[in-house]
N, C-alpha and C. Protein backbone atom coordinates (compact mmCIF):
# COMPACT_ATOMS: atom_id res chain seq x y z
N MET A 1 80.57 13.88 15.35
CA MET A 1 80.87 14.94 15.50
C MET A 1 80.85 15.90 14.53
N ALA A 2 79.70 15.46 13.05
CA ALA A 2 80.06 16.05 11.96
C ALA A 2 79.24 17.61 12.47
N GLY A 3 79.76 18.60 11.95
CA GLY A 3 78.83 19.71 11.76
C GLY A 3 79.58 20.67 13.17
N SER A 4 80.55 19.84 13.60
CA SER A 4 81.41 21.00 14.94
C SER A 4 82.36 21.10 14.53
N ARG A 5 82.33 22.70 14.75
CA ARG A 5 83.34 23.73 14.66
C ARG A 5 84.82 23.45 15.61
N LYS A 6 86.01 22.87 14.80
CA LYS A 6 87.31 22.82 16.00
C LYS A 6 88.09 24.07 15.26
N THR A 7 88.78 24.76 16.20
CA THR A 7 89.51 25.50 16.36
C THR A 7 90.95 25.48 17.10
N ALA A 8 91.95 26.03 17.11
CA ALA A 8 93.09 26.30 17.44
C ALA A 8 93.52 27.29 18.20
N ASP A 9 92.39 28.42 18.11
CA ASP A 9 92.26 29.66 18.75
C ASP A 9 91.59 29.42 20.52
N ALA A 10 92.71 29.45 21.31
CA ALA A 10 92.15 29.03 22.51
C ALA A 10 91.97 30.25 23.23
N VAL A 11 92.60 31.29 22.80
CA VAL A 11 92.27 32.56 23.72
C VAL A 11 90.65 32.90 22.79
N GLY A 12 90.36 33.03 21.52
CA GLY A 12 88.92 33.33 21.26
C GLY A 12 88.17 32.16 21.61
N ILE A 13 88.09 30.75 22.19
CA ILE A 13 87.42 30.24 22.95
C ILE A 13 87.42 30.70 24.19
N LEU A 14 88.34 31.08 25.10
CA LEU A 14 88.39 31.10 26.04
C LEU A 14 87.36 32.70 26.37
N HIS A 15 87.80 33.56 25.36
CA HIS A 15 86.97 35.08 25.04
C HIS A 15 85.65 34.74 25.18
N ARG A 16 85.05 34.19 23.96
CA ARG A 16 83.67 33.94 24.01
C ARG A 16 82.93 32.97 25.27
N ARG A 17 83.63 32.09 25.87
CA ARG A 17 83.00 31.48 26.86
C ARG A 17 82.97 32.51 28.17
N TYR A 18 84.35 32.95 28.60
CA TYR A 18 84.21 33.61 29.73
C TYR A 18 83.89 35.45 29.75
N ILE A 19 84.40 35.77 28.56
CA ILE A 19 83.97 37.59 28.61
C ILE A 19 83.00 38.12 27.94
N LYS A 20 83.11 37.64 26.80
CA LYS A 20 81.87 38.15 25.78
C LYS A 20 80.66 38.12 26.28
N ALA A 21 80.24 37.55 27.27
CA ALA A 21 78.82 37.49 27.64
C ALA A 21 78.83 38.20 28.78
N SER A 22 79.95 38.94 29.38
CA SER A 22 79.55 39.69 30.44
C SER A 22 80.35 41.20 30.28
N GLU A 23 79.15 42.21 30.51
CA GLU A 23 79.54 43.88 30.54
C GLU A 23 80.89 43.68 31.57
N LYS A 24 80.42 43.40 32.71
CA LYS A 24 81.83 43.78 33.84
C LYS A 24 83.17 43.01 33.40
N ARG A 25 83.09 41.86 32.88
CA ARG A 25 84.47 41.34 32.41
C ARG A 25 84.61 41.95 31.12
N LEU A 26 84.02 42.24 30.72
CA LEU A 26 84.63 43.08 29.19
C LEU A 26 84.88 44.56 29.77
N ALA A 27 84.37 45.34 30.65
CA ALA A 27 85.20 46.54 31.08
C ALA A 27 86.30 46.39 31.72
N SER A 28 86.39 45.30 32.59
CA SER A 28 87.54 44.51 33.26
C SER A 28 88.58 44.91 32.40
N LEU A 29 88.22 43.68 30.79
CA LEU A 29 89.62 43.42 30.41
C LEU A 29 89.93 44.93 29.70
N GLU A 30 88.77 45.84 29.36
CA GLU A 30 89.48 47.07 28.62
C GLU A 30 90.47 47.89 29.76
N ARG A 31 89.95 47.93 30.55
CA ARG A 31 91.01 48.57 31.90
C ARG A 31 92.32 47.89 32.03
N GLU A 32 92.10 46.75 32.04
CA GLU A 32 93.83 46.11 32.20
C GLU A 32 94.58 46.23 30.60
N ARG A 33 93.67 46.01 29.44
CA ARG A 33 94.42 46.70 28.36
C ARG A 33 94.99 48.13 28.28
N GLU A 34 94.35 48.72 28.76
CA GLU A 34 94.69 50.21 28.93
C GLU A 34 95.74 50.72 29.89
N ASN A 35 95.91 50.04 30.82
CA ASN A 35 97.22 49.77 32.35
C ASN A 35 98.23 49.41 31.18
N LEU A 36 98.46 48.16 30.36
CA LEU A 36 99.22 47.91 29.44
C LEU A 36 99.68 48.60 28.61
N ARG A 37 98.80 49.07 27.80
CA ARG A 37 99.47 50.34 26.53
C ARG A 37 99.96 51.34 27.35
N ILE A 38 99.36 51.93 28.65
CA ILE A 38 100.30 53.00 29.32
C ILE A 38 101.66 52.73 29.77
N ALA A 39 101.57 51.26 30.38
CA ALA A 39 102.75 50.71 30.69
C ALA A 39 104.16 50.79 29.48
N GLU A 40 103.31 50.02 28.58
CA GLU A 40 104.38 49.58 27.34
C GLU A 40 104.96 51.23 26.87
N GLN A 41 103.81 52.01 26.71
CA GLN A 41 104.54 53.35 26.19
C GLN A 41 105.57 54.19 27.19
N ILE A 42 105.10 54.15 28.63
CA ILE A 42 106.19 54.72 29.21
C ILE A 42 107.37 53.76 29.17
N TYR A 43 107.69 52.89 29.00
CA TYR A 43 108.88 51.81 29.01
C TYR A 43 109.60 51.70 27.59
N SER A 44 108.50 52.03 26.80
CA SER A 44 109.14 52.10 25.18
C SER A 44 110.02 53.95 25.21
N LEU A 45 108.83 54.72 25.39
CA LEU A 45 109.71 56.11 25.32
C LEU A 45 111.02 56.26 26.26
N ARG A 46 111.18 55.77 27.65
CA ARG A 46 112.40 55.87 28.51
C ARG A 46 113.73 54.88 28.06
N THR A 47 113.40 53.87 27.56
CA THR A 47 114.48 52.54 26.50
C THR A 47 114.78 53.60 25.50
N ALA A 48 114.06 54.16 24.33
CA ALA A 48 114.19 55.02 23.13
C ALA A 48 115.07 55.82 23.44
N ALA A 49 114.93 56.67 24.67
CA ALA A 49 115.58 57.76 25.43
C ALA A 49 116.82 57.44 26.12
N GLY A 50 117.07 56.04 26.03
CA GLY A 50 118.55 55.51 27.01
C GLY A 50 118.79 55.87 28.34
N LEU A 51 117.21 55.65 29.16
CA LEU A 51 117.18 56.29 29.95
C LEU A 51 117.08 55.05 31.20
N SER A 52 117.64 54.55 31.98
CA SER A 52 117.41 54.00 33.26
C SER A 52 116.30 54.19 33.88
N GLN A 53 115.29 53.21 34.64
CA GLN A 53 114.38 54.04 35.67
C GLN A 53 114.44 54.72 36.60
N LYS A 54 116.08 54.66 37.23
CA LYS A 54 116.49 55.54 37.89
C LYS A 54 116.57 57.31 37.47
N ASP A 55 117.34 57.18 36.45
CA ASP A 55 117.54 58.35 35.11
C ASP A 55 116.19 58.84 35.00
N LEU A 56 115.23 58.23 35.08
CA LEU A 56 114.04 58.82 34.43
C LEU A 56 113.56 59.45 35.94
N ALA A 57 113.28 58.60 36.67
CA ALA A 57 112.73 59.26 38.08
C ALA A 57 113.54 60.01 38.20
N HIS A 58 114.81 60.77 38.07
CA HIS A 58 115.38 61.74 38.72
C HIS A 58 114.71 62.61 37.99
N ARG A 59 114.92 62.92 36.71
CA ARG A 59 114.38 63.91 35.73
C ARG A 59 112.83 64.09 36.44
N VAL A 60 111.66 63.19 36.65
CA VAL A 60 110.58 63.46 36.96
C VAL A 60 110.38 63.99 38.51
N GLY A 61 111.53 63.73 39.32
CA GLY A 61 111.34 64.10 40.73
C GLY A 61 110.59 62.93 41.43
N THR A 62 110.74 61.41 41.32
CA THR A 62 110.60 60.44 42.04
C THR A 62 111.47 59.58 41.93
N THR A 63 110.60 58.59 42.72
CA THR A 63 112.16 57.43 43.08
C THR A 63 111.72 55.93 41.59
N GLN A 64 113.24 55.64 41.38
CA GLN A 64 112.79 54.41 40.96
C GLN A 64 111.34 53.51 40.70
N SER A 65 111.54 53.08 42.03
CA SER A 65 110.20 52.32 42.29
C SER A 65 108.73 52.78 42.08
N VAL A 66 108.64 54.28 42.07
CA VAL A 66 107.38 54.60 41.34
C VAL A 66 107.55 54.42 39.65
N ILE A 67 108.87 54.46 38.93
CA ILE A 67 108.76 54.26 37.70
C ILE A 67 108.57 52.87 37.45
N SER A 68 109.01 52.10 38.47
CA SER A 68 108.69 50.59 38.28
C SER A 68 107.38 50.65 37.86
N ARG A 69 106.59 50.71 39.31
CA ARG A 69 105.20 50.32 39.30
C ARG A 69 104.41 50.99 37.91
N LEU A 70 104.79 52.09 37.54
CA LEU A 70 104.12 52.36 35.76
C LEU A 70 104.33 52.08 34.64
N GLU A 71 105.65 51.09 34.88
CA GLU A 71 105.77 50.30 33.76
C GLU A 71 105.30 49.03 33.98
N ASN A 72 104.49 48.73 35.09
CA ASN A 72 104.09 47.23 35.51
C ASN A 72 102.32 47.42 34.84
N ALA A 73 102.38 46.56 33.69
CA ALA A 73 100.92 46.45 33.55
C ALA A 73 99.97 46.18 34.24
N ASP A 74 100.10 45.57 35.60
CA ASP A 74 99.43 45.30 36.67
C ASP A 74 98.98 46.65 37.37
N TYR A 75 99.77 47.51 37.11
CA TYR A 75 99.27 48.80 38.19
C TYR A 75 98.39 49.57 37.65
N ASP A 76 97.17 50.12 38.24
CA ASP A 76 96.26 50.90 37.87
C ASP A 76 95.70 52.25 38.59
N GLY A 77 97.24 52.51 39.04
CA GLY A 77 96.91 53.99 39.54
C GLY A 77 97.65 55.25 39.50
N HIS A 78 97.68 55.19 37.87
CA HIS A 78 98.40 56.23 36.92
C HIS A 78 97.36 57.46 37.04
N SER A 79 98.21 58.71 37.47
CA SER A 79 97.46 60.09 37.58
C SER A 79 98.10 60.45 36.44
N LEU A 80 96.79 61.26 36.09
CA LEU A 80 97.25 62.05 35.00
C LEU A 80 98.42 63.56 34.92
N ASN A 81 98.36 63.79 36.00
CA ASN A 81 99.72 64.94 36.51
C ASN A 81 101.03 64.11 36.33
N MET A 82 100.98 62.87 37.06
CA MET A 82 102.16 61.86 36.59
C MET A 82 102.68 61.82 35.43
N LEU A 83 101.92 61.12 34.78
CA LEU A 83 101.93 60.92 33.23
C LEU A 83 102.41 62.04 32.61
N ALA A 84 101.83 63.27 32.91
CA ALA A 84 102.18 64.25 32.09
C ALA A 84 103.69 64.66 32.57
N ARG A 85 104.12 64.46 33.76
CA ARG A 85 105.45 64.78 34.19
C ARG A 85 106.38 63.55 33.81
N ILE A 86 106.22 62.61 33.37
CA ILE A 86 106.80 61.62 32.72
C ILE A 86 106.89 62.18 31.11
N ALA A 87 105.98 62.04 30.33
CA ALA A 87 105.86 62.69 29.19
C ALA A 87 107.00 64.20 29.00
N HIS A 88 106.66 64.94 29.86
CA HIS A 88 107.56 66.20 29.75
C HIS A 88 108.78 65.80 30.13
N ALA A 89 109.26 65.17 30.73
CA ALA A 89 110.73 64.76 30.71
C ALA A 89 111.50 63.72 29.86
N LEU A 90 110.50 63.54 28.83
CA LEU A 90 110.97 62.42 27.62
C LEU A 90 110.47 63.39 26.57
N GLY A 91 110.30 64.67 26.63
CA GLY A 91 109.90 65.39 25.57
C GLY A 91 109.06 65.14 24.63
N HIS A 92 107.84 64.58 25.19
CA HIS A 92 106.75 64.17 25.00
C HIS A 92 105.49 65.18 25.57
N LYS A 93 104.27 64.83 25.36
CA LYS A 93 103.22 65.26 25.67
C LYS A 93 101.84 64.26 26.04
N VAL A 94 100.74 64.33 26.86
CA VAL A 94 100.04 63.66 27.45
C VAL A 94 98.87 63.94 26.11
N CYS A 95 98.23 63.38 25.05
CA CYS A 95 97.03 63.86 24.72
C CYS A 95 96.13 62.46 24.67
N ILE A 96 94.99 63.10 25.25
CA ILE A 96 93.56 62.28 25.53
C ILE A 96 92.64 62.34 24.61
N HIS A 97 91.74 61.28 24.25
CA HIS A 97 90.94 61.54 23.40
C HIS A 97 89.82 60.60 23.93
N PHE A 98 88.45 61.13 23.76
CA PHE A 98 87.52 60.44 24.06
C PHE A 98 86.53 59.59 22.61
N VAL A 99 86.63 58.11 22.94
CA VAL A 99 85.69 56.99 22.09
C VAL A 99 84.73 56.44 22.54
N ALA A 100 83.92 56.13 21.67
CA ALA A 100 82.65 55.57 22.19
C ALA A 100 83.04 54.37 22.53
N GLN A 101 81.84 54.05 23.59
CA GLN A 101 82.32 52.61 24.49
C GLN A 101 82.68 51.47 23.96
N ASP A 102 81.72 51.14 22.63
CA ASP A 102 81.85 49.94 21.65
C ASP A 102 82.88 50.33 20.75
N GLU A 103 83.93 50.94 21.07
CA GLU A 103 85.36 51.28 20.12
C GLU A 103 86.39 51.09 21.11
N PRO A 104 87.59 50.68 20.10
CA PRO A 104 88.44 50.18 20.54
C PRO A 104 89.52 51.35 21.39
N CYS A 105 90.19 51.47 22.17
CA CYS A 105 91.19 52.52 22.26
C CYS A 105 92.53 52.44 21.65
N LEU A 106 92.77 53.04 20.66
CA LEU A 106 93.77 52.72 19.90
C LEU A 106 94.69 53.99 20.97
N ALA A 107 95.98 53.03 20.69
CA ALA A 107 97.24 54.41 21.23
C ALA A 107 98.61 54.25 20.59
N GLY A 108 99.05 55.24 20.55
CA GLY A 108 100.33 55.20 19.88
C GLY A 108 100.46 55.84 18.71
N PRO A 109 101.43 55.67 18.08
CA PRO A 109 101.86 56.07 16.68
C PRO A 109 101.01 55.10 15.10
N ASN A 110 100.75 54.40 15.72
CA ASN A 110 99.77 53.91 14.33
C ASN A 110 98.39 53.69 14.63
N ARG A 111 98.07 54.84 15.63
CA ARG A 111 96.50 54.93 15.84
C ARG A 111 95.99 54.33 14.30
């Protein structure tokens, strides 16, 4: 085993082995990351405002189950209209920016 490289980074190993070589898998991973970022932002803004999902739903004019789905990282049905309604209800606005396909999408205040 002389010369073999050992690493404890299991995520890195899995990424190199299963994701990096596949454009389709990379695109899928990026879509999932986008869904996670959206879900995290909705949750963070809602909890920072001291609102329950039901409270936010009332302000937005929807149901608690819709807010719950939007805060779920596995949900991929985000509409710009609904995101704008949520942002407005929380005293924020939605900003969209375009980046090159090989650049990461950075979101939040620490862009």
